[in-house]
PDB file of N, CA and C in Angstrom:
ATOM      1  N   MET A   1       6.654-106.767   3.108  1.00  0.00           N
ATOM      2  CA  MET A   1       7.083-106.977   4.343  1.00  0.00           C
ATOM      3  C   MET A   1       7.169-106.772   5.977  1.00  0.00           C
ATOM      4  N   ALA A   2       6.530-106.762   6.378  1.00  0.00           N
ATOM      5  CA  ALA A   2       6.284-105.695   7.913  1.00  0.00           C
ATOM      6  C   ALA A   2       7.804-105.848   8.353  1.00  0.00           C
ATOM      7  N   THR A   3       7.957-104.828   8.533  1.00  0.00           N
ATOM      8  CA  THR A   3      10.127-104.531   9.398  1.00  0.00           C
ATOM      9  C   THR A   3       9.712-104.103  10.718  1.00  0.00           C
ATOM     10  N   ARG A   4      10.128-105.035  11.583  1.00  0.00           N
ATOM     11  CA  ARG A   4       9.964-105.246  13.127  1.00  0.00           C
ATOM     12  C   ARG A   4      10.912-103.837  14.030  1.00  0.00           C
ATOM     13  N   ALA A   5      10.168-103.486  15.042  1.00  0.00           N
ATOM     14  CA  ALA A   5      11.408-102.448  15.365  1.00  0.00           C
ATOM     15  C   ALA A   5      11.212-103.236  16.943  1.00  0.00           C
ATOM     16  N   ILE A   6      11.547-102.307  18.031  1.00  0.00           N
ATOM     17  CA  ILE A   6      11.690-102.132  18.966  1.00  0.00           C
ATOM     18  C   ILE A   6      11.443-100.430  20.058  1.00  0.00           C
ATOM     19  N   ILE A   7      10.494 -99.889  20.468  1.00  0.00           N
ATOM     20  CA  ILE A   7      10.103 -98.766  20.968  1.00  0.00           C
ATOM     21  C   ILE A   7      10.760 -98.887  21.752  1.00  0.00           C
ATOM     22  N   ALA A   8      11.787 -98.282  22.555  1.00  0.00           N
ATOM     23  CA  ALA A   8      12.373 -97.668  23.949  1.00  0.00           C
ATOM     24  C   ALA A   8      12.797 -96.587  24.717  1.00  0.00           C
ATOM     25  N   ARG A   9      13.477 -96.955  26.041  1.00  0.00           N
ATOM     26  CA  ARG A   9      13.451 -95.689  26.898  1.00  0.00           C
ATOM     27  C   ARG A   9      14.941 -95.759  26.749  1.00  0.00           C
ATOM     28  N   PRO A  10      15.287 -95.096  27.530  1.00  0.00           N
ATOM     29  CA  PRO A  10      17.112 -95.605  28.152  1.00  0.00           C
ATOM     30  C   PRO A  10      16.821 -96.139  28.883  1.00  0.00           C
ATOM     31  N   THR A  11      18.383 -95.849  29.388  1.00  0.00           N
ATOM     32  CA  THR A  11      18.916 -97.231  30.261  1.00  0.00           C
ATOM     33  C   THR A  11      19.895 -96.366  31.032  1.00  0.00           C
ATOM     34  N   GLY A  12      20.570 -96.487  32.449  1.00  0.00           N
ATOM     35  CA  GLY A  12      20.923 -95.814  32.723  1.00  0.00           C
ATOM     36  C   GLY A  12      22.829 -96.035  32.491  1.00  0.00           C
ATOM     37  N   SER A  13      22.578 -97.493  31.820  1.00  0.00           N
ATOM     38  CA  SER A  13      23.574 -98.273  32.351  1.00  0.00           C
ATOM     39  C   SER A  13      24.472 -97.899  29.898  1.00  0.00           C
ATOM     40  N   GLY A  14      23.598 -96.594  29.678  1.00  0.00           N
ATOM     41  CA  GLY A  14      23.686 -96.527  28.306  1.00  0.00           C
ATOM     42  C   GLY A  14      23.209 -97.147  26.791  1.00  0.00           C
ATOM     43  N   GLY A  15      22.459 -98.644  27.009  1.00  0.00           N
ATOM     44  CA  GLY A  15      21.359 -99.380  26.615  1.00  0.00           C
ATOM     45  C   GLY A  15      19.813 -99.335  26.495  1.00  0.00           C
ATOM     46  N   PHE A  16      18.932 -99.324  26.210  1.00  0.00           N
ATOM     47  CA  PHE A  16      17.400 -99.472  26.521  1.00  0.00           C
ATOM     48  C   PHE A  16      16.592-100.403  26.469  1.00  0.00           C
ATOM     49  N   THR A  17      15.495-100.317  26.511  1.00  0.00           N
ATOM     50  CA  THR A  17      14.631-101.360  27.117  1.00  0.00           C
ATOM     51  C   THR A  17      13.371-100.861  26.379  1.00  0.00           C
ATOM     52  N   GLY A  18      12.301-101.574  26.037  1.00  0.00           N
ATOM     53  CA  GLY A  18      11.516-100.851  25.650  1.00  0.00           C
ATOM     54  C   GLY A  18      10.468-102.195  24.889  1.00  0.00           C
ATOM     55  N   ARG A  19       9.643-102.460  23.406  1.00  0.00           N
ATOM     56  CA  ARG A  19       8.223-102.915  23.388  1.00  0.00           C
ATOM     57  C   ARG A  19       8.828-103.161  21.918  1.00  0.00           C
ATOM     58  N   TYR A  20       8.391-104.329  21.571  1.00  0.00           N
ATOM     59  CA  TYR A  20       8.281-104.969  20.087  1.00  0.00           C
ATOM     60  C   TYR A  20       6.949-104.072  19.623  1.00  0.00           C
ATOM     61  N   LEU A  21       7.268-103.493  18.428  1.00  0.00           N
ATOM     62  CA  LEU A  21       6.445-103.492  16.803  1.00  0.00           C
ATOM     63  C   LEU A  21       7.016-103.819  15.784  1.00  0.00           C
ATOM     64  N   HIS A  22       5.173-104.357  15.523  1.00  0.00           N
ATOM     65  CA  HIS A  22       5.481-105.681  14.493  1.00  0.00           C
ATOM     66  C   HIS A  22       5.487-104.567  12.719  1.00  0.00           C
ATOM     67  N   GLN A  23       4.826-103.859  12.891  1.00  0.00           N
ATOM     68  CA  GLN A  23       4.771-102.783  11.231  1.00  0.00           C
ATOM     69  C   GLN A  23       5.295-101.562  12.234  1.00  0.00           C
ATOM     70  N   ASP A  24       5.289-100.593  10.809  1.00  0.00           N
ATOM     71  CA  ASP A  24       5.620 -99.440  11.188  1.00  0.00           C
ATOM     72  C   ASP A  24       7.067 -99.360  11.440  1.00  0.00           C
ATOM     73  N   GLY A  25       8.255-100.390  10.935  1.00  0.00           N
ATOM     74  CA  GLY A  25       9.210-100.623  12.270  1.00  0.00           C
ATOM     75  C   GLY A  25      10.296 -98.997  11.152  1.00  0.00           C
ATOM     76  N   LYS A  26      10.208 -98.773   9.696  1.00  0.00           N
ATOM     77  CA  LYS A  26      11.219 -98.520   8.737  1.00  0.00           C
ATOM     78  C   LYS A  26      11.399 -97.338  10.202  1.00  0.00           C
ATOM     79  N   PRO A  27      12.933 -96.740   9.306  1.00  0.00           N
ATOM     80  CA  PRO A  27      13.411 -95.292  10.056  1.00  0.00           C
ATOM     81  C   PRO A  27      12.140 -94.356   9.458  1.00  0.00           C
ATOM     82  N   ASP A  28      12.155 -94.958   7.729  1.00  0.00           N
ATOM     83  CA  ASP A  28      11.449 -93.009   7.458  1.00  0.00           C
ATOM     84  C   ASP A  28       9.405 -92.751   7.538  1.00  0.00           C
ATOM     85  N   THR A  29       9.679 -93.726   8.379  1.00  0.00           N
ATOM     86  CA  THR A  29       8.027 -93.419   9.188  1.00  0.00           C
ATOM     87  C   THR A  29       7.739 -93.678  10.080  1.00  0.00           C
ATOM     88  N   ALA A  30       8.473 -94.457  11.140  1.00  0.00           N
ATOM     89  CA  ALA A  30       8.886 -94.968  12.545  1.00  0.00           C
ATOM     90  C   ALA A  30       8.886 -93.729  13.180  1.00  0.00           C
ATOM     91  N   VAL A  31      10.541 -92.187  12.678  1.00  0.00           N
ATOM     92  CA  VAL A  31      10.122 -91.184  13.446  1.00  0.00           C
ATOM     93  C   VAL A  31       9.657 -90.214  13.296  1.00  0.00           C
ATOM     94  N   GLY A  32       8.556 -90.361  12.190  1.00  0.00           N
ATOM     95  CA  GLY A  32       7.980 -88.771  11.559  1.00  0.00           C
ATOM     96  C   GLY A  32       6.422 -89.667  12.438  1.00  0.00           C
ATOM     97  N   LEU A  33       6.091 -90.339  12.877  1.00  0.00           N
ATOM     98  CA  LEU A  33       5.028 -91.247  13.215  1.00  0.00           C
ATOM     99  C   LEU A  33       5.058 -91.122  14.700  1.00  0.00           C
ATOM    100  N   LEU A  34       6.917 -90.658  15.308  1.00  0.00           N
ATOM    101  CA  LEU A  34       6.991 -90.521  16.814  1.00  0.00           C
ATOM    102  C   LEU A  34       6.436 -89.414  17.144  1.00  0.00           C
ATOM    103  N   GLN A  35       8.115 -88.932  16.096  1.00  0.00           N
ATOM    104  CA  GLN A  35       7.598 -87.104  16.542  1.00  0.00           C
ATOM    105  C   GLN A  35       6.165 -86.739  16.560  1.00  0.00           C
ATOM    106  N   ASP A  36       4.768 -87.383  15.700  1.00  0.00           N
ATOM    107  CA  ASP A  36       3.536 -86.747  15.485  1.00  0.00           C
ATOM    108  C   ASP A  36       2.692 -87.105  17.257  1.00  0.00           C
ATOM    109  N   PHE A  37       2.856 -88.416  17.762  1.00  0.00           N
ATOM    110  CA  PHE A  37       2.422 -88.697  19.100  1.00  0.00           C
ATOM    111  C   PHE A  37       2.853 -88.490  19.901  1.00  0.00           C
ATOM    112  N   VAL A  38       4.244 -87.625  20.125  1.00  0.00           N
ATOM    113  CA  VAL A  38       4.778 -87.416  21.345  1.00  0.00           C
ATOM    114  C   VAL A  38       4.570 -85.621  20.985  1.00  0.00           C
ATOM    115  N   LEU A  39       4.868 -85.170  19.918  1.00  0.00           N
ATOM    116  CA  LEU A  39       4.353 -83.335  19.481  1.00  0.00           C
ATOM    117  C   LEU A  39       2.976 -83.021  20.406  1.00  0.00           C
ATOM    118  N   ASN A  40       2.276 -83.625  19.564  1.00  0.00           N
ATOM    119  CA  ASN A  40       1.183 -83.551  19.409  1.00  0.00           C
ATOM    120  C   ASN A  40      -0.095 -84.553  19.485  1.00  0.00           C
ATOM    121  N   ALA A  41      -0.559 -85.833  20.567  1.00  0.00           N
ATOM    122  CA  ALA A  41      -0.968 -86.332  20.989  1.00  0.00           C
ATOM    123  C   ALA A  41      -0.622 -85.872  22.546  1.00  0.00           C
ATOM    124  N   HIS A  42       0.560 -85.714  22.981  1.00  0.00           N
ATOM    125  CA  HIS A  42       1.294 -85.820  24.297  1.00  0.00           C
ATOM    126  C   HIS A  42       1.927 -84.028  24.963  1.00  0.00           C
ATOM    127  N   VAL A  43       1.349 -82.741  23.773  1.00  0.00           N
ATOM    128  CA  VAL A  43       1.999 -82.332  23.162  1.00  0.00           C
ATOM    129  C   VAL A  43       3.504 -81.572  24.302  1.00  0.00           C
ATOM    130  N   GLY A  44       4.173 -83.036  23.489  1.00  0.00           N
ATOM    131  CA  GLY A  44       6.630 -82.805  23.905  1.00  0.00           C
ATOM    132  C   GLY A  44       6.173 -83.123  25.365  1.00  0.00           C
ATOM    133  N   ASP A  45       5.618 -83.728  25.609  1.00  0.00           N
ATOM    134  CA  ASP A  45       5.949 -84.783  26.600  1.00  0.00           C
ATOM    135  C   ASP A  45       5.933 -86.006  26.625  1.00  0.00           C
ATOM    136  N   VAL A  46       7.862 -86.279  26.219  1.00  0.00           N
ATOM    137  CA  VAL A  46       7.925 -87.010  26.620  1.00  0.00           C
ATOM    138  C   VAL A  46       7.550 -88.368  27.322  1.00  0.00           C
ATOM    139  N   GLU A  47       7.920 -88.303  27.842  1.00  0.00           N
ATOM    140  CA  GLU A  47       7.669 -89.311  29.442  1.00  0.00           C
ATOM    141  C   GLU A  47       6.053 -90.187  29.264  1.00  0.00           C
ATOM    142  N   ALA A  48       5.512 -89.098  29.033  1.00  0.00           N
ATOM    143  CA  ALA A  48       4.142 -89.336  28.909  1.00  0.00           C
ATOM    144  C   ALA A  48       4.000 -90.042  27.775  1.00  0.00           C
ATOM    145  N   ALA A  49       4.254 -90.370  26.846  1.00  0.00           N
ATOM    146  CA  ALA A  49       4.164 -90.900  25.843  1.00  0.00           C
ATOM    147  C   ALA A  49       5.008 -91.802  25.392  1.00  0.00           C
ATOM    148  N   THR A  50       6.052 -92.427  26.256  1.00  0.00           N
ATOM    149  CA  THR A  50       7.339 -93.197  26.469  1.00  0.00           C
ATOM    150  C   THR A  50       5.750 -94.031  27.826  1.00  0.00           C
ATOM    151  N   ARG A  51       5.281 -94.051  28.811  1.00  0.00           N
ATOM    152  CA  ARG A  51       4.844 -94.395  29.555  1.00  0.00           C
ATOM    153  C   ARG A  51       3.489 -95.065  28.466  1.00  0.00           C
ATOM    154  N   PHE A  52       3.290 -94.221  28.312  1.00  0.00           N
ATOM    155  CA  PHE A  52       1.642 -94.666  27.059  1.00  0.00           C
ATOM    156  C   PHE A  52       2.542 -95.760  26.242  1.00  0.00           C
ATOM    157  N   LEU A  53       3.095 -95.319  25.363  1.00  0.00           N
ATOM    158  CA  LEU A  53       3.814 -97.042  24.685  1.00  0.00           C
ATOM    159  C   LEU A  53       4.107 -98.062  24.858  1.00  0.00           C
ATOM    160  N   LEU A  54       4.914 -97.243  26.625  1.00  0.00           N
ATOM    161  CA  LEU A  54       6.015 -98.760  27.320  1.00  0.00           C
ATOM    162  C   LEU A  54       4.588 -99.178  28.284  1.00  0.00           C
ATOM    163  N   ASP A  55       4.619 -98.420  29.526  1.00  0.00           N
ATOM    164  CA  ASP A  55       3.908 -98.915  30.283  1.00  0.00           C
ATOM    165  C   ASP A  55       2.651 -99.463  30.820  1.00  0.00           C
ATOM    166  N   GLU A  56       1.758 -98.833  29.221  1.00  0.00           N
ATOM    167  CA  GLU A  56       0.820 -98.490  29.569  1.00  0.00           C
ATOM    168  C   GLU A  56      -0.199 -99.932  27.890  1.00  0.00           C
ATOM    169  N   HIS A  57       0.678-100.291  27.772  1.00  0.00           N
ATOM    170  CA  HIS A  57       0.752-100.680  26.528  1.00  0.00           C
ATOM    171  C   HIS A  57       2.108-101.961  26.763  1.00  0.00           C
ATOM    172  N   PRO A  58       1.398-102.888  27.749  1.00  0.00           N
ATOM    173  CA  PRO A  58       3.058-103.956  27.888  1.00  0.00           C
ATOM    174  C   PRO A  58       3.547-104.899  27.011  1.00  0.00           C
ATOM    175  N   ASN A  59       2.217-105.813  26.544  1.00  0.00           N
ATOM    176  CA  ASN A  59       2.579-106.994  25.097  1.00  0.00           C
ATOM    177  C   ASN A  59       3.414-106.193  23.927  1.00  0.00           C
ATOM    178  N   GLY A  60       3.633-104.459  23.959  1.00  0.00           N
ATOM    179  CA  GLY A  60       3.920-104.796  22.616  1.00  0.00           C
ATOM    180  C   GLY A  60       2.968-103.731  21.826  1.00  0.00           C
ATOM    181  N   TRP A  61       3.693-103.045  20.195  1.00  0.00           N
ATOM    182  CA  TRP A  61       2.629-102.553  19.345  1.00  0.00           C
ATOM    183  C   TRP A  61       2.469-103.501  17.496  1.00  0.00           C
ATOM    184  N   LEU A  62       1.264-104.107  17.127  1.00  0.00           N
ATOM    185  CA  LEU A  62       1.328-104.145  15.753  1.00  0.00           C
ATOM    186  C   LEU A  62       1.660-103.487  15.132  1.00  0.00           C
ATOM    187  N   ASN A  63       1.381-101.870  15.138  1.00  0.00           N
ATOM    188  CA  ASN A  63       2.096-100.804  14.918  1.00  0.00           C
ATOM    189  C   ASN A  63       0.862-100.043  16.015  1.00  0.00           C
ATOM    190  N   LEU A  64       1.413 -98.942  15.187  1.00  0.00           N
ATOM    191  CA  LEU A  64       2.509 -97.514  16.058  1.00  0.00           C
ATOM    192  C   LEU A  64       0.308 -96.372  16.335  1.00  0.00           C
ATOM    193  N   PRO A  65       0.559 -95.810  17.263  1.00  0.00           N
ATOM    194  CA  PRO A  65      -0.174 -94.795  16.704  1.00  0.00           C
ATOM    195  C   PRO A  65       0.257 -93.344  16.385  1.00  0.00           C
ATOM    196  N   ALA A  66      -0.729 -92.543  15.975  1.00  0.00           N
ATOM    197  CA  ALA A  66      -0.863 -91.579  15.562  1.00  0.00           C
ATOM    198  C   ALA A  66      -1.704 -90.304  16.381  1.00  0.00           C
ATOM    199  N   SER A  67      -1.217 -89.526  16.570  1.00  0.00           N
ATOM    200  CA  SER A  67      -1.752 -88.145  17.872  1.00  0.00           C
ATOM    201  C   SER A  67      -3.054 -88.221  17.472  1.00  0.00           C
ATOM    202  N   ASP A  68      -3.766 -88.721  15.592  1.00  0.00           N
ATOM    203  CA  ASP A  68      -5.707 -88.822  15.560  1.00  0.00           C
ATOM    204  C   ASP A  68      -5.676 -89.736  16.108  1.00  0.00           C
ATOM    205  N   GLY A  69      -5.601 -91.269  16.776  1.00  0.00           N
ATOM    206  CA  GLY A  69      -5.846 -92.748  16.978  1.00  0.00           C
ATOM    207  C   GLY A  69      -5.432 -93.277  16.616  1.00  0.00           C
ATOM    208  N   GLY A  70      -4.944 -94.281  16.838  1.00  0.00           N
ATOM    209  CA  GLY A  70      -5.518 -95.397  15.557  1.00  0.00           C
ATOM    210  C   GLY A  70      -4.339 -96.254  15.768  1.00  0.00           C
ATOM    211  N   GLY A  71      -3.574 -96.702  15.793  1.00  0.00           N
ATOM    212  CA  GLY A  71      -2.769 -97.501  16.738  1.00  0.00           C
ATOM    213  C   GLY A  71      -3.131 -98.947  17.043  1.00  0.00           C
ATOM    214  N   GLU A  72      -2.810 -99.905  16.792  1.00  0.00           N
ATOM    215  CA  GLU A  72      -3.013-100.777  17.892  1.00  0.00           C
ATOM    216  C   GLU A  72      -2.262-101.729  18.870  1.00  0.00           C
ATOM    217  N   CYS A  73      -2.095-102.509  19.604  1.00  0.00           N
ATOM    218  CA  CYS A  73      -2.109-102.457  20.161  1.00  0.00           C
ATOM    219  C   CYS A  73      -2.190-104.274  20.937  1.00  0.00           C
ATOM    220  N   PHE A  74      -1.374-104.905  21.379  1.00  0.00           N
ATOM    221  CA  PHE A  74      -1.030-106.883  21.318  1.00  0.00           C
ATOM    222  C   PHE A  74      -1.753-106.786  22.638  1.00  0.00           C
ATOM    223  N   CYS A  75      -1.982-105.655  23.613  1.00  0.00           N
ATOM    224  CA  CYS A  75      -3.018-106.375  25.080  1.00  0.00           C
ATOM    225  C   CYS A  75      -3.940-106.143  24.474  1.00  0.00           C
ATOM    226  N   HIS A  76      -5.058-104.462  23.878  1.00  0.00           N
ATOM    227  CA  HIS A  76      -5.963-105.096  23.737  1.00  0.00           C
ATOM    228  C   HIS A  76      -6.535-105.206  22.387  1.00  0.00           C
ATOM    229  N   ASN A  77      -6.312-105.941  21.703  1.00  0.00           N
ATOM    230  CA  ASN A  77      -6.701-106.455  20.070  1.00  0.00           C
ATOM    231  C   ASN A  77      -7.625-107.521  19.986  1.00  0.00           C
ATOM    232  N   GLY A  78      -7.144-108.206  21.127  1.00  0.00           N
ATOM    233  CA  GLY A  78      -7.586-109.537  21.671  1.00  0.00           C
ATOM    234  C   GLY A  78      -6.830-110.888  21.240  1.00  0.00           C
ATOM    235  N   ASP A  79      -5.864-110.545  20.297  1.00  0.00           N
ATOM    236  CA  ASP A  79      -4.616-111.724  19.871  1.00  0.00           C
ATOM    237  C   ASP A  79      -4.312-112.602  21.111  1.00  0.00           C
ATOM    238  N   GLY A  80      -3.603-111.951  22.451  1.00  0.00           N
ATOM    239  CA  GLY A  80      -3.571-112.268  23.704  1.00  0.00           C
ATOM    240  C   GLY A  80      -2.200-112.968  23.336  1.00  0.00           C
ATOM    241  N   LEU A  81      -0.972-111.686  22.362  1.00  0.00           N
ATOM    242  CA  LEU A  81       0.098-111.680  21.954  1.00  0.00           C
ATOM    243  C   LEU A  81       1.338-110.752  23.644  1.00  0.00           C
ATOM    244  N   ASP A  82       1.638-111.758  23.964  1.00  0.00           N
ATOM    245  CA  ASP A  82       2.930-110.578  24.770  1.00  0.00           C
ATOM    246  C   ASP A  82       3.988-110.940  24.539  1.00  0.00           C
ATOM    247  N   MET A  83       4.328-109.755  24.074  1.00  0.00           N
ATOM    248  CA  MET A  83       5.258-109.437  23.639  1.00  0.00           C
ATOM    249  C   MET A  83       6.937-109.818  24.693  1.00  0.00           C
ATOM    250  N   GLY A  84       6.433-109.114  25.329  1.00  0.00           N
ATOM    251  CA  GLY A  84       7.413-109.300  26.335  1.00  0.00           C
ATOM    252  C   GLY A  84       7.979-107.895  26.278  1.00  0.00           C
ATOM    253  N   LEU A  85       9.520-107.393  27.589  1.00  0.00           N
ATOM    254  CA  LEU A  85      10.148-106.760  27.302  1.00  0.00           C
ATOM    255  C   LEU A  85      11.536-107.044  26.274  1.00  0.00           C
ATOM    256  N   PHE A  86      12.424-105.471  25.242  1.00  0.00           N
ATOM    257  CA  PHE A  86      13.165-105.641  25.086  1.00  0.00           C
ATOM    258  C   PHE A  86      14.114-104.936  25.622  1.00  0.00           C
ATOM    259  N   THR A  87      15.895-105.190  24.992  1.00  0.00           N
ATOM    260  CA  THR A  87      16.741-104.336  25.418  1.00  0.00           C
ATOM    261  C   THR A  87      17.932-104.450  24.955  1.00  0.00           C
ATOM    262  N   ASP A  88      18.682-103.821  24.699  1.00  0.00           N
ATOM    263  CA  ASP A  88      19.106-104.171  23.757  1.00  0.00           C
ATOM    264  C   ASP A  88      20.217-105.242  23.488  1.00  0.00           C
ATOM    265  N   GLN A  89      20.175-106.166  25.076  1.00  0.00           N
ATOM    266  CA  GLN A  89      20.701-107.130  25.070  1.00  0.00           C
ATOM    267  C   GLN A  89      20.242-109.129  24.325  1.00  0.00           C
ATOM    268  N   THR A  90      18.747-107.862  24.000  1.00  0.00           N
ATOM    269  CA  THR A  90      18.198-109.325  24.049  1.00  0.00           C
ATOM    270  C   THR A  90      18.340-109.799  22.470  1.00  0.00           C
ATOM    271  N   ASP A  91      18.237-110.880  22.049  1.00  0.00           N
ATOM    272  CA  ASP A  91      18.546-111.615  20.201  1.00  0.00           C
ATOM    273  C   ASP A  91      17.138-110.961  19.559  1.00  0.00           C
ATOM    274  N   GLY A  92      16.951-112.023  18.168  1.00  0.00           N
ATOM    275  CA  GLY A  92      16.155-111.958  17.875  1.00  0.00           C
ATOM    276  C   GLY A  92      14.968-111.004  17.188  1.00  0.00           C
ATOM    277  N   GLU A  93      13.971-110.662  17.630  1.00  0.00           N
ATOM    278  CA  GLU A  93      13.303-109.706  17.632  1.00  0.00           C
ATOM    279  C   GLU A  93      13.665-107.691  16.980  1.00  0.00           C
ATOM    280  N   GLY A  94      13.598-107.149  15.475  1.00  0.00           N
ATOM    281  CA  GLY A  94      13.420-105.655  15.629  1.00  0.00           C
ATOM    282  C   GLY A  94      14.862-105.596  14.761  1.00  0.00           C
ATOM    283  N   GLU A  95      14.860-104.718  14.137  1.00  0.00           N
ATOM    284  CA  GLU A  95      15.753-104.173  12.755  1.00  0.00           C
ATOM    285  C   GLU A  95      15.931-103.700  13.770  1.00  0.00           C
ATOM    286  N   TYR A  96      15.010-102.089  13.503  1.00  0.00           N
ATOM    287  CA  TYR A  96      15.662-101.024  14.082  1.00  0.00           C
ATOM    288  C   TYR A  96      15.035-100.583  16.140  1.00  0.00           C
ATOM    289  N   ALA A  97      16.071-100.349  16.515  1.00  0.00           N
ATOM    290  CA  ALA A  97      15.303 -99.700  17.867  1.00  0.00           C
ATOM    291  C   ALA A  97      15.085 -97.863  17.917  1.00  0.00           C
ATOM    292  N   TYR A  98      13.775 -97.643  18.433  1.00  0.00           N
ATOM    293  CA  TYR A  98      13.850 -95.592  18.940  1.00  0.00           C
ATOM    294  C   TYR A  98      13.676 -96.061  19.686  1.00  0.00           C
ATOM    295  N   VAL A  99      14.798 -95.018  20.480  1.00  0.00           N
ATOM    296  CA  VAL A  99      14.830 -94.849  21.884  1.00  0.00           C
ATOM    297  C   VAL A  99      14.719 -93.300  22.101  1.00  0.00           C
ATOM    298  N   LEU A 100      13.430 -93.386  23.430  1.00  0.00           N
ATOM    299  CA  LEU A 100      13.069 -92.401  23.138  1.00  0.00           C
ATOM    300  C   LEU A 100      13.840 -91.371  24.737  1.00  0.00           C
ATOM    301  N   HIS A 101      14.354 -90.204  24.009  1.00  0.00           N
ATOM    302  CA  HIS A 101      15.106 -90.089  25.302  1.00  0.00           C
ATOM    303  C   HIS A 101      14.035 -88.569  24.818  1.00  0.00           C
ATOM    304  N   PRO A 102      14.759 -87.831  26.669  1.00  0.00           N
ATOM    305  CA  PRO A 102      14.194 -86.465  26.396  1.00  0.00           C
ATOM    306  C   PRO A 102      14.144 -85.587  25.744  1.00  0.00           C
ATOM    307  N   ASP A 103      14.953 -85.179  24.917  1.00  0.00           N
ATOM    308  CA  ASP A 103      15.631 -84.224  23.726  1.00  0.00           C
ATOM    309  C   ASP A 103      15.677 -85.269  22.171  1.00  0.00           C
ATOM    310  N   ARG A 104      15.629 -85.809  22.363  1.00  0.00           N
ATOM    311  CA  ARG A 104      15.621 -87.315  21.111  1.00  0.00           C
ATOM    312  C   ARG A 104      15.408 -88.353  20.551  1.00  0.00           C
ATOM    313  N   ILE A 105      14.830 -88.735  19.283  1.00  0.00           N
ATOM    314  CA  ILE A 105      14.309 -89.724  19.664  1.00  0.00           C
ATOM    315  C   ILE A 105      16.372 -90.163  18.877  1.00  0.00           C
ATOM    316  N   GLU A 106      16.522 -91.344  19.509  1.00  0.00           N
ATOM    317  CA  GLU A 106      17.944 -92.099  18.613  1.00  0.00           C
ATOM    318  C   GLU A 106      17.412 -93.435  17.442  1.00  0.00           C
ATOM    319  N   VAL A 107      17.947 -93.544  16.988  1.00  0.00           N
ATOM    320  CA  VAL A 107      17.102 -94.621  15.748  1.00  0.00           C
ATOM    321  C   VAL A 107      18.430 -95.573  15.847  1.00  0.00           C
ATOM    322  N   LEU A 108      17.890 -96.844  16.605  1.00  0.00           N
ATOM    323  CA  LEU A 108      20.316 -97.837  16.047  1.00  0.00           C
ATOM    324  C   LEU A 108      19.844 -98.846  15.325  1.00  0.00           C
ATOM    325  N   ALA A 109      20.422 -99.023  14.189  1.00  0.00           N
ATOM    326  CA  ALA A 109      19.924-100.319  13.944  1.00  0.00           C
ATOM    327  C   ALA A 109      20.691-101.851  14.356  1.00  0.00           C
ATOM    328  N   ARG A 110      20.427-102.837  14.087  1.00  0.00           N
ATOM    329  CA  ARG A 110      21.083-103.998  14.965  1.00  0.00           C
ATOM    330  C   ARG A 110      22.024-103.802  13.137  1.00  0.00           C
ATOM    331  N   ALA A 111      23.660-104.340  14.507  1.00  0.00           N
ATOM    332  CA  ALA A 111      25.144-105.208  13.456  1.00  0.00           C
ATOM    333  C   ALA A 111      24.804-106.278  13.889  1.00  0.00           C
ATOM    334  N   SER A 112      26.627-107.042  13.741  1.00  0.00           N
ATOM    335  CA  SER A 112      26.398-107.326  13.815  1.00  0.00           C
ATOM    336  C   SER A 112      27.363-107.622  15.495  1.00  0.00           C
ATOM    337  N   GLU A 113      28.091-106.464  15.284  1.00  0.00           N
ATOM    338  CA  GLU A 113      28.755-106.110  16.905  1.00  0.00           C
ATOM    339  C   GLU A 113      27.108-105.891  17.780  1.00  0.00           C
ATOM    340  N   GLY A 114      26.448-106.218  17.632  1.00  0.00           N
ATOM    341  CA  GLY A 114      25.498-104.967  18.680  1.00  0.00           C
ATOM    342  C   GLY A 114      24.743-103.864  17.822  1.00  0.00           C
ATOM    343  N   TRP A 115      24.037-103.139  18.702  1.00  0.00           N
ATOM    344  CA  TRP A 115      23.236-101.952  18.328  1.00  0.00           C
ATOM    345  C   TRP A 115      23.956-100.492  18.033  1.00  0.00           C
ATOM    346  N   GLN A 116      24.173-100.513  16.797  1.00  0.00           N
ATOM    347  CA  GLN A 116      24.316 -99.377  15.897  1.00  0.00           C
ATOM    348  C   GLN A 116      23.753 -98.180  16.442  1.00  0.00           C
ATOM    349  N   THR A 117      23.937 -96.291  16.290  1.00  0.00           N
ATOM    350  CA  THR A 117      23.521 -96.186  16.131  1.00  0.00           C
ATOM    351  C   THR A 117      23.348 -95.141  15.103  1.00  0.00           C
ATOM    352  N   ILE A 118      22.283 -94.840  14.022  1.00  0.00           N
ATOM    353  CA  ILE A 118      22.804 -94.329  12.853  1.00  0.00           C
ATOM    354  C   ILE A 118      22.332 -93.506  12.182  1.00  0.00           C
ATOM    355  N   HIS A 119      21.282 -92.284  13.386  1.00  0.00           N
ATOM    356  CA  HIS A 119      20.583 -91.170  12.842  1.00  0.00           C
ATOM    357  C   HIS A 119      19.990 -90.511  14.485  1.00  0.00           C
ATOM    358  N   THR A 120      19.756 -89.796  15.092  1.00  0.00           N
ATOM    359  CA  THR A 120      19.331 -88.888  15.692  1.00  0.00           C
ATOM    360  C   THR A 120      18.018 -87.444  15.245  1.00  0.00           C
ATOM    361  N   THR A 121      17.460 -87.487  15.666  1.00  0.00           N
ATOM    362  CA  THR A 121      16.437 -86.531  15.345  1.00  0.00           C
ATOM    363  C   THR A 121      16.162 -85.657  16.575  1.00  0.00           C
ATOM    364  N   ALA A 122      16.503 -84.261  16.694  1.00  0.00           N
ATOM    365  CA  ALA A 122      15.219 -83.550  18.175  1.00  0.00           C
ATOM    366  C   ALA A 122      13.606 -83.522  18.441  1.00  0.00           C
ATOM    367  N   TRP A 123      12.742 -83.525  19.136  1.00  0.00           N
ATOM    368  CA  TRP A 123      10.999 -83.465  18.810  1.00  0.00           C
ATOM    369  C   TRP A 123      11.228 -82.425  18.338  1.00  0.00           C
ATOM    370  N   ASN A 124      11.611 -81.007  18.312  1.00  0.00           N
ATOM    371  CA  ASN A 124      11.480 -79.968  18.312  1.00  0.00           C
ATOM    372  C   ASN A 124      11.513 -80.251  16.319  1.00  0.00           C
TER     373      ASN A 124
END
């Protein structure tokens, strides 16, 4: 079974806003894929990678792209599926959220009292 997640950017209020990820959502997979994508495909430019993942593909992702290509978004795969925008206040989808900060990836897990940070990893 796929592990659903949210790929997100931080908001000014300490929350996040982002897009749905259907597969690759477990931390041991997603963190490595996101690091590879940011550091290699976007040469460390977190903002450019975030724009690509969230703004240029607004319907969300079936699976994450890697630095050498791949990845399948819902806006270009022919499904016509639009998962919309998710926030730290959205109920339902996503066991994990990956917030792409300028200096790190923050990994959050959904808990009964909201999202809880379980890990952070520096980009380098």
